[in-house]
């Protein structure tokens, strides 16, 4: 049920299974402290999924590409600004 919950939250099956397993291991390690195991595990798994989604890995490149204008002719925007 935990894996299905994580998939429903947007995780792929492999990530959901990994997060579920990690959450269950955390629960096992803190079993004596946990009052309500099921909600605790779901909350921990949900937090871990959010951390996974928000983890941004940047890949360095040797050269930064030139910026691409969203306008077909960028000079038109400058002319319009001057007129305004």
PDB file of N, CA and C in Angstrom:
ATOM      1  N   UNK A   1       0.818  -1.190   0.000  1.00  0.00           N
ATOM      2  CA  UNK A   1       0.000   0.000   0.000  1.00  0.00           C
ATOM      3  C   UNK A   1       0.867   1.261   0.000  1.00  0.00           C
ATOM      4  N   UNK A   2       2.019   1.188   0.639  1.00  0.00           N
ATOM      5  CA  UNK A   2       2.911   2.341   0.688  1.00  0.00           C
ATOM      6  C   UNK A   2       3.466   2.650  -0.697  1.00  0.00           C
ATOM      7  N   UNK A   3       3.840   1.632  -1.438  1.00  0.00           N
ATOM      8  CA  UNK A   3       4.357   1.838  -2.796  1.00  0.00           C
ATOM      9  C   UNK A   3       3.263   2.444  -3.667  1.00  0.00           C
ATOM     10  N   UNK A   4       2.049   1.943  -3.571  1.00  0.00           N
ATOM     11  CA  UNK A   4       0.930   2.485  -4.351  1.00  0.00           C
ATOM     12  C   UNK A   4       0.674   3.943  -3.980  1.00  0.00           C
ATOM     13  N   UNK A   5       0.770   4.273  -2.697  1.00  0.00           N
ATOM     14  CA  UNK A   5       0.599   5.650  -2.250  1.00  0.00           C
ATOM     15  C   UNK A   5       1.637   6.561  -2.902  1.00  0.00           C
ATOM     16  N   UNK A   6       2.895   6.123  -2.917  1.00  0.00           N
ATOM     17  CA  UNK A   6       3.959   6.938  -3.497  1.00  0.00           C
ATOM     18  C   UNK A   6       3.809   7.073  -5.009  1.00  0.00           C
ATOM     19  N   UNK A   7       3.392   6.007  -5.673  1.00  0.00           N
ATOM     20  CA  UNK A   7       3.141   6.083  -7.120  1.00  0.00           C
ATOM     21  C   UNK A   7       2.008   7.069  -7.382  1.00  0.00           C
ATOM     22  N   UNK A   8       0.986   7.024  -6.546  1.00  0.00           N
ATOM     23  CA  UNK A   8      -0.131   7.964  -6.681  1.00  0.00           C
ATOM     24  C   UNK A   8       0.320   9.409  -6.460  1.00  0.00           C
ATOM     25  N   UNK A   9       1.382   9.589  -5.689  1.00  0.00           N
ATOM     26  CA  UNK A   9       1.931  10.925  -5.443  1.00  0.00           C
ATOM     27  C   UNK A   9       2.863  11.390  -6.558  1.00  0.00           C
ATOM     28  N   UNK A  10       3.166  10.501  -7.531  1.00  0.00           N
ATOM     29  CA  UNK A  10       3.963  10.911  -8.674  1.00  0.00           C
ATOM     30  C   UNK A  10       5.285  10.178  -8.853  1.00  0.00           C
ATOM     31  N   UNK A  11       5.620   9.274  -7.956  1.00  0.00           N
ATOM     32  CA  UNK A  11       6.882   8.538  -8.077  1.00  0.00           C
ATOM     33  C   UNK A  11       6.736   7.427  -9.107  1.00  0.00           C
ATOM     34  N   UNK A  12       7.855   7.067  -9.743  1.00  0.00           N
ATOM     35  CA  UNK A  12       7.805   5.873 -10.579  1.00  0.00           C
ATOM     36  C   UNK A  12       7.912   4.661  -9.654  1.00  0.00           C
ATOM     37  N   UNK A  13       7.615   3.485 -10.168  1.00  0.00           N
ATOM     38  CA  UNK A  13       7.519   2.291  -9.326  1.00  0.00           C
ATOM     39  C   UNK A  13       8.851   1.971  -8.650  1.00  0.00           C
ATOM     40  N   UNK A  14       9.948   2.094  -9.373  1.00  0.00           N
ATOM     41  CA  UNK A  14      11.256   1.780  -8.791  1.00  0.00           C
ATOM     42  C   UNK A  14      11.592   2.729  -7.636  1.00  0.00           C
ATOM     43  N   UNK A  15      11.392   4.021  -7.844  1.00  0.00           N
ATOM     44  CA  UNK A  15      11.663   4.990  -6.776  1.00  0.00           C
ATOM     45  C   UNK A  15      10.720   4.776  -5.598  1.00  0.00           C
ATOM     46  N   UNK A  16       9.462   4.486  -5.893  1.00  0.00           N
ATOM     47  CA  UNK A  16       8.489   4.256  -4.823  1.00  0.00           C
ATOM     48  C   UNK A  16       8.894   3.051  -3.980  1.00  0.00           C
ATOM     49  N   UNK A  17       9.348   1.990  -4.625  1.00  0.00           N
ATOM     50  CA  UNK A  17       9.779   0.804  -3.883  1.00  0.00           C
ATOM     51  C   UNK A  17      10.996   1.108  -3.019  1.00  0.00           C
ATOM     52  N   UNK A  18      11.954   1.859  -3.555  1.00  0.00           N
ATOM     53  CA  UNK A  18      13.152   2.223  -2.785  1.00  0.00           C
ATOM     54  C   UNK A  18      12.789   3.087  -1.581  1.00  0.00           C
ATOM     55  N   UNK A  19      11.955   4.083  -1.804  1.00  0.00           N
ATOM     56  CA  UNK A  19      11.562   4.981  -0.712  1.00  0.00           C
ATOM     57  C   UNK A  19      10.771   4.217   0.346  1.00  0.00           C
ATOM     58  N   UNK A  20       9.893   3.327  -0.091  1.00  0.00           N
ATOM     59  CA  UNK A  20       9.121   2.523   0.862  1.00  0.00           C
ATOM     60  C   UNK A  20      10.048   1.662   1.716  1.00  0.00           C
ATOM     61  N   UNK A  21      11.025   1.043   1.078  1.00  0.00           N
ATOM     62  CA  UNK A  21      11.963   0.201   1.820  1.00  0.00           C
ATOM     63  C   UNK A  21      12.767   1.029   2.819  1.00  0.00           C
ATOM     64  N   UNK A  22      13.244   2.193   2.393  1.00  0.00           N
ATOM     65  CA  UNK A  22      14.002   3.062   3.296  1.00  0.00           C
ATOM     66  C   UNK A  22      13.145   3.518   4.473  1.00  0.00           C
ATOM     67  N   UNK A  23      11.889   3.833   4.191  1.00  0.00           N
ATOM     68  CA  UNK A  23      10.983   4.281   5.253  1.00  0.00           C
ATOM     69  C   UNK A  23      10.722   3.165   6.257  1.00  0.00           C
ATOM     70  N   UNK A  24      10.570   1.944   5.768  1.00  0.00           N
ATOM     71  CA  UNK A  24      10.348   0.816   6.665  1.00  0.00           C
ATOM     72  C   UNK A  24      11.595   0.538   7.509  1.00  0.00           C
ATOM     73  N   UNK A  25      12.773   0.729   6.924  1.00  0.00           N
ATOM     74  CA  UNK A  25      14.007   0.549   7.705  1.00  0.00           C
ATOM     75  C   UNK A  25      14.099   1.611   8.798  1.00  0.00           C
ATOM     76  N   UNK A  26      13.724   2.843   8.482  1.00  0.00           N
ATOM     77  CA  UNK A  26      13.724   3.907   9.499  1.00  0.00           C
ATOM     78  C   UNK A  26      12.737   3.569  10.619  1.00  0.00           C
ATOM     79  N   UNK A  27      11.581   3.029  10.234  1.00  0.00           N
ATOM     80  CA  UNK A  27      10.582   2.650  11.236  1.00  0.00           C
ATOM     81  C   UNK A  27      11.128   1.538  12.141  1.00  0.00           C
ATOM     82  N   UNK A  28      11.794   0.571  11.556  1.00  0.00           N
ATOM     83  CA  UNK A  28      12.372  -0.522  12.340  1.00  0.00           C
ATOM     84  C   UNK A  28      13.394   0.014  13.350  1.00  0.00           C
ATOM     85  N   UNK A  29      14.212   0.972  12.908  1.00  0.00           N
ATOM     86  CA  UNK A  29      15.246   1.529  13.781  1.00  0.00           C
ATOM     87  C   UNK A  29      14.648   2.335  14.938  1.00  0.00           C
ATOM     88  N   UNK A  30      13.458   2.908  14.732  1.00  0.00           N
ATOM     89  CA  UNK A  30      12.846   3.760  15.763  1.00  0.00           C
ATOM     90  C   UNK A  30      11.564   3.148  16.314  1.00  0.00           C
ATOM     91  N   UNK A  31      11.417   1.835  16.179  1.00  0.00           N
ATOM     92  CA  UNK A  31      10.162   1.168  16.495  1.00  0.00           C
ATOM     93  C   UNK A  31       9.674   1.468  17.919  1.00  0.00           C
ATOM     94  N   UNK A  32      10.564   1.533  18.874  1.00  0.00           N
ATOM     95  CA  UNK A  32      10.165   1.769  20.266  1.00  0.00           C
ATOM     96  C   UNK A  32       9.606   3.175  20.481  1.00  0.00           C
ATOM     97  N   UNK A  33       9.973   4.128  19.630  1.00  0.00           N
ATOM     98  CA  UNK A  33       9.545   5.519  19.787  1.00  0.00           C
ATOM     99  C   UNK A  33       8.235   5.831  19.064  1.00  0.00           C
ATOM    100  N   UNK A  34       7.860   5.018  18.091  1.00  0.00           N
ATOM    101  CA  UNK A  34       6.729   5.324  17.215  1.00  0.00           C
ATOM    102  C   UNK A  34       5.419   4.898  17.877  1.00  0.00           C
ATOM    103  N   UNK A  35       4.491   5.845  18.010  1.00  0.00           N
ATOM    104  CA  UNK A  35       3.189   5.557  18.606  1.00  0.00           C
ATOM    105  C   UNK A  35       2.213   4.971  17.583  1.00  0.00           C
ATOM    106  N   UNK A  36       2.220   5.517  16.362  1.00  0.00           N
ATOM    107  CA  UNK A  36       1.304   5.096  15.302  1.00  0.00           C
ATOM    108  C   UNK A  36       2.132   4.780  14.055  1.00  0.00           C
ATOM    109  N   UNK A  37       2.552   3.529  13.908  1.00  0.00           N
ATOM    110  CA  UNK A  37       3.510   3.170  12.850  1.00  0.00           C
ATOM    111  C   UNK A  37       3.037   3.473  11.426  1.00  0.00           C
ATOM    112  N   UNK A  38       1.801   3.128  11.088  1.00  0.00           N
ATOM    113  CA  UNK A  38       1.342   3.311   9.704  1.00  0.00           C
ATOM    114  C   UNK A  38       1.377   4.783   9.278  1.00  0.00           C
ATOM    115  N   UNK A  39       0.754   5.706  10.016  1.00  0.00           N
ATOM    116  CA  UNK A  39       0.837   7.112   9.593  1.00  0.00           C
ATOM    117  C   UNK A  39       2.263   7.647   9.605  1.00  0.00           C
ATOM    118  N   UNK A  40       3.072   7.184  10.559  1.00  0.00           N
ATOM    119  CA  UNK A  40       4.449   7.632  10.646  1.00  0.00           C
ATOM    120  C   UNK A  40       5.215   7.249   9.389  1.00  0.00           C
ATOM    121  N   UNK A  41       5.077   5.995   8.951  1.00  0.00           N
ATOM    122  CA  UNK A  41       5.797   5.520   7.765  1.00  0.00           C
ATOM    123  C   UNK A  41       5.314   6.262   6.518  1.00  0.00           C
ATOM    124  N   UNK A  42       4.012   6.482   6.396  1.00  0.00           N
ATOM    125  CA  UNK A  42       3.493   7.202   5.232  1.00  0.00           C
ATOM    126  C   UNK A  42       4.012   8.638   5.213  1.00  0.00           C
ATOM    127  N   UNK A  43       4.072   9.279   6.370  1.00  0.00           N
ATOM    128  CA  UNK A  43       4.570  10.655   6.432  1.00  0.00           C
ATOM    129  C   UNK A  43       6.058  10.717   6.085  1.00  0.00           C
ATOM    130  N   UNK A  44       6.844   9.802   6.637  1.00  0.00           N
ATOM    131  CA  UNK A  44       8.282   9.772   6.347  1.00  0.00           C
ATOM    132  C   UNK A  44       8.514   9.507   4.861  1.00  0.00           C
ATOM    133  N   UNK A  45       7.779   8.564   4.296  1.00  0.00           N
ATOM    134  CA  UNK A  45       7.922   8.252   2.867  1.00  0.00           C
ATOM    135  C   UNK A  45       7.531   9.450   2.010  1.00  0.00           C
ATOM    136  N   UNK A  46       6.464  10.127   2.399  1.00  0.00           N
ATOM    137  CA  UNK A  46       6.031  11.305   1.642  1.00  0.00           C
ATOM    138  C   UNK A  46       7.092  12.398   1.682  1.00  0.00           C
ATOM    139  N   UNK A  47       7.679  12.619   2.841  1.00  0.00           N
ATOM    140  CA  UNK A  47       8.741  13.629   2.969  1.00  0.00           C
ATOM    141  C   UNK A  47       9.966  13.249   2.133  1.00  0.00           C
ATOM    142  N   UNK A  48      10.309  11.962   2.135  1.00  0.00           N
ATOM    143  CA  UNK A  48      11.450  11.509   1.340  1.00  0.00           C
ATOM    144  C   UNK A  48      11.188  11.679  -0.158  1.00  0.00           C
ATOM    145  N   UNK A  49       9.951  11.459  -0.566  1.00  0.00           N
ATOM    146  CA  UNK A  49       9.595  11.647  -1.971  1.00  0.00           C
ATOM    147  C   UNK A  49       9.711  13.121  -2.360  1.00  0.00           C
ATOM    148  N   UNK A  50       9.255  13.999  -1.504  1.00  0.00           N
ATOM    149  CA  UNK A  50       9.379  15.438  -1.779  1.00  0.00           C
ATOM    150  C   UNK A  50      10.847  15.824  -1.888  1.00  0.00           C
ATOM    151  N   UNK A  51      11.684  15.292  -1.001  1.00  0.00           N
ATOM    152  CA  UNK A  51      13.117  15.577  -1.081  1.00  0.00           C
ATOM    153  C   UNK A  51      13.709  15.081  -2.395  1.00  0.00           C
ATOM    154  N   UNK A  52      13.258  13.919  -2.848  1.00  0.00           N
ATOM    155  CA  UNK A  52      13.760  13.379  -4.110  1.00  0.00           C
ATOM    156  C   UNK A  52      13.336  14.263  -5.275  1.00  0.00           C
ATOM    157  N   UNK A  53      12.085  14.715  -5.269  1.00  0.00           N
ATOM    158  CA  UNK A  53      11.600  15.589  -6.339  1.00  0.00           C
ATOM    159  C   UNK A  53      12.317  16.934  -6.348  1.00  0.00           C
ATOM    160  N   UNK A  54      12.654  17.430  -5.175  1.00  0.00           N
ATOM    161  CA  UNK A  54      13.251  18.764  -5.104  1.00  0.00           C
ATOM    162  C   UNK A  54      14.778  18.745  -5.231  1.00  0.00           C
ATOM    163  N   UNK A  55      15.367  17.577  -5.268  1.00  0.00           N
ATOM    164  CA  UNK A  55      16.812  17.468  -5.420  1.00  0.00           C
ATOM    165  C   UNK A  55      17.188  17.769  -6.873  1.00  0.00           C
ATOM    166  N   UNK A  56      17.824  18.904  -7.068  1.00  0.00           N
ATOM    167  CA  UNK A  56      18.200  19.325  -8.420  1.00  0.00           C
ATOM    168  C   UNK A  56      19.697  19.107  -8.584  1.00  0.00           C
ATOM    169  N   UNK A  57      20.026  18.326  -9.551  1.00  0.00           N
ATOM    170  CA  UNK A  57      21.442  18.078  -9.835  1.00  0.00           C
ATOM    171  C   UNK A  57      21.825  18.853 -11.089  1.00  0.00           C
ATOM    172  N   UNK A  58      22.810  19.693 -10.954  1.00  0.00           N
ATOM    173  CA  UNK A  58      23.277  20.472 -12.090  1.00  0.00           C
ATOM    174  C   UNK A  58      24.492  19.805 -12.692  1.00  0.00           C
ATOM    175  N   UNK A  59      24.514  19.771 -14.005  1.00  0.00           N
ATOM    176  CA  UNK A  59      25.641  19.199 -14.724  1.00  0.00           C
ATOM    177  C   UNK A  59      26.488  20.341 -15.282  1.00  0.00           C
ATOM    178  N   UNK A  60      27.737  20.481 -14.854  1.00  0.00           N
ATOM    179  CA  UNK A  60      28.566  21.557 -15.388  1.00  0.00           C
ATOM    180  C   UNK A  60      28.871  21.331 -16.869  1.00  0.00           C
ATOM    181  N   UNK A  61      28.953  22.429 -17.598  1.00  0.00           N
ATOM    182  CA  UNK A  61      29.304  22.372 -19.018  1.00  0.00           C
ATOM    183  C   UNK A  61      30.532  23.241 -19.239  1.00  0.00           C
ATOM    184  N   UNK A  62      31.247  22.955 -20.305  1.00  0.00           N
ATOM    185  CA  UNK A  62      32.453  23.725 -20.576  1.00  0.00           C
ATOM    186  C   UNK A  62      32.125  25.123 -21.059  1.00  0.00           C
ATOM    187  N   UNK A  63      31.120  25.236 -21.917  1.00  0.00           N
ATOM    188  CA  UNK A  63      30.736  26.543 -22.438  1.00  0.00           C
ATOM    189  C   UNK A  63      29.248  26.761 -22.221  1.00  0.00           C
ATOM    190  N   UNK A  64      28.924  27.957 -21.767  1.00  0.00           N
ATOM    191  CA  UNK A  64      27.518  28.308 -21.574  1.00  0.00           C
ATOM    192  C   UNK A  64      26.944  28.696 -22.929  1.00  0.00           C
ATOM    193  N   UNK A  65      25.815  28.097 -23.316  1.00  0.00           N
ATOM    194  CA  UNK A  65      25.244  28.436 -24.614  1.00  0.00           C
ATOM    195  C   UNK A  65      24.718  29.876 -24.638  1.00  0.00           C
ATOM    196  N   UNK A  66      24.679  30.437 -25.814  1.00  0.00           N
ATOM    197  CA  UNK A  66      24.137  31.784 -25.968  1.00  0.00           C
ATOM    198  C   UNK A  66      22.655  31.773 -25.630  1.00  0.00           C
ATOM    199  N   UNK A  67      22.160  32.815 -24.977  1.00  0.00           N
ATOM    200  CA  UNK A  67      20.731  32.851 -24.679  1.00  0.00           C
ATOM    201  C   UNK A  67      19.914  32.933 -25.966  1.00  0.00           C
ATOM    202  N   UNK A  68      18.777  32.281 -25.931  1.00  0.00           N
ATOM    203  CA  UNK A  68      17.884  32.274 -27.085  1.00  0.00           C
ATOM    204  C   UNK A  68      16.728  33.209 -26.783  1.00  0.00           C
ATOM    205  N   UNK A  69      16.482  34.103 -27.676  1.00  0.00           N
ATOM    206  CA  UNK A  69      15.390  35.046 -27.485  1.00  0.00           C
ATOM    207  C   UNK A  69      14.064  34.368 -27.783  1.00  0.00           C
ATOM    208  N   UNK A  70      13.057  34.728 -27.023  1.00  0.00           N
ATOM    209  CA  UNK A  70      11.718  34.210 -27.276  1.00  0.00           C
ATOM    210  C   UNK A  70      11.022  34.986 -28.391  1.00  0.00           C
ATOM    211  N   UNK A  71      11.605  36.122 -28.739  1.00  0.00           N
ATOM    212  CA  UNK A  71      11.030  36.931 -29.807  1.00  0.00           C
ATOM    213  C   UNK A  71      11.744  36.616 -31.123  1.00  0.00           C
ATOM    214  N   UNK A  72      10.999  36.623 -32.228  1.00  0.00           N
ATOM    215  CA  UNK A  72      11.650  36.362 -33.505  1.00  0.00           C
ATOM    216  C   UNK A  72      12.698  37.423 -33.843  1.00  0.00           C
ATOM    217  N   UNK A  73      12.411  38.680 -33.507  1.00  0.00           N
ATOM    218  CA  UNK A  73      13.369  39.768 -33.733  1.00  0.00           C
ATOM    219  C   UNK A  73      13.484  40.553 -32.428  1.00  0.00           C
ATOM    220  N   UNK A  74      14.509  40.269 -31.603  1.00  0.00           N
ATOM    221  CA  UNK A  74      14.645  40.918 -30.296  1.00  0.00           C
ATOM    222  C   UNK A  74      14.723  42.438 -30.377  1.00  0.00           C
ATOM    223  N   UNK A  75      15.221  42.976 -31.483  1.00  0.00           N
ATOM    224  CA  UNK A  75      15.307  44.430 -31.610  1.00  0.00           C
ATOM    225  C   UNK A  75      13.931  45.082 -31.604  1.00  0.00           C
ATOM    226  N   UNK A  76      12.906  44.364 -32.028  1.00  0.00           N
ATOM    227  CA  UNK A  76      11.556  44.909 -32.023  1.00  0.00           C
ATOM    228  C   UNK A  76      11.104  45.270 -30.614  1.00  0.00           C
ATOM    229  N   UNK A  77      11.502  44.468 -29.622  1.00  0.00           N
ATOM    230  CA  UNK A  77      11.126  44.759 -28.243  1.00  0.00           C
ATOM    231  C   UNK A  77      11.779  46.057 -27.776  1.00  0.00           C
ATOM    232  N   UNK A  78      13.058  46.269 -28.118  1.00  0.00           N
ATOM    233  CA  UNK A  78      13.747  47.491 -27.729  1.00  0.00           C
ATOM    234  C   UNK A  78      13.099  48.718 -28.380  1.00  0.00           C
ATOM    235  N   UNK A  79      12.730  48.572 -29.642  1.00  0.00           N
ATOM    236  CA  UNK A  79      12.056  49.687 -30.326  1.00  0.00           C
ATOM    237  C   UNK A  79      10.723  49.995 -29.669  1.00  0.00           C
ATOM    238  N   UNK A  80       9.973  48.970 -29.320  1.00  0.00           N
ATOM    239  CA  UNK A  80       8.680  49.165 -28.682  1.00  0.00           C
ATOM    240  C   UNK A  80       8.860  49.865 -27.333  1.00  0.00           C
ATOM    241  N   UNK A  81       9.888  49.466 -26.548  1.00  0.00           N
ATOM    242  CA  UNK A  81      10.166  50.110 -25.272  1.00  0.00           C
ATOM    243  C   UNK A  81      10.466  51.585 -25.462  1.00  0.00           C
ATOM    244  N   UNK A  82      11.237  51.920 -26.462  1.00  0.00           N
ATOM    245  CA  UNK A  82      11.580  53.331 -26.719  1.00  0.00           C
ATOM    246  C   UNK A  82      10.335  54.144 -27.056  1.00  0.00           C
ATOM    247  N   UNK A  83       9.445  53.544 -27.848  1.00  0.00           N
ATOM    248  CA  UNK A  83       8.208  54.266 -28.216  1.00  0.00           C
ATOM    249  C   UNK A  83       7.314  54.461 -27.028  1.00  0.00           C
ATOM    250  N   UNK A  84       7.324  53.558 -26.088  1.00  0.00           N
ATOM    251  CA  UNK A  84       6.436  53.651 -24.932  1.00  0.00           C
ATOM    252  C   UNK A  84       6.994  54.641 -23.917  1.00  0.00           C
TER     253      UNK A  84
END
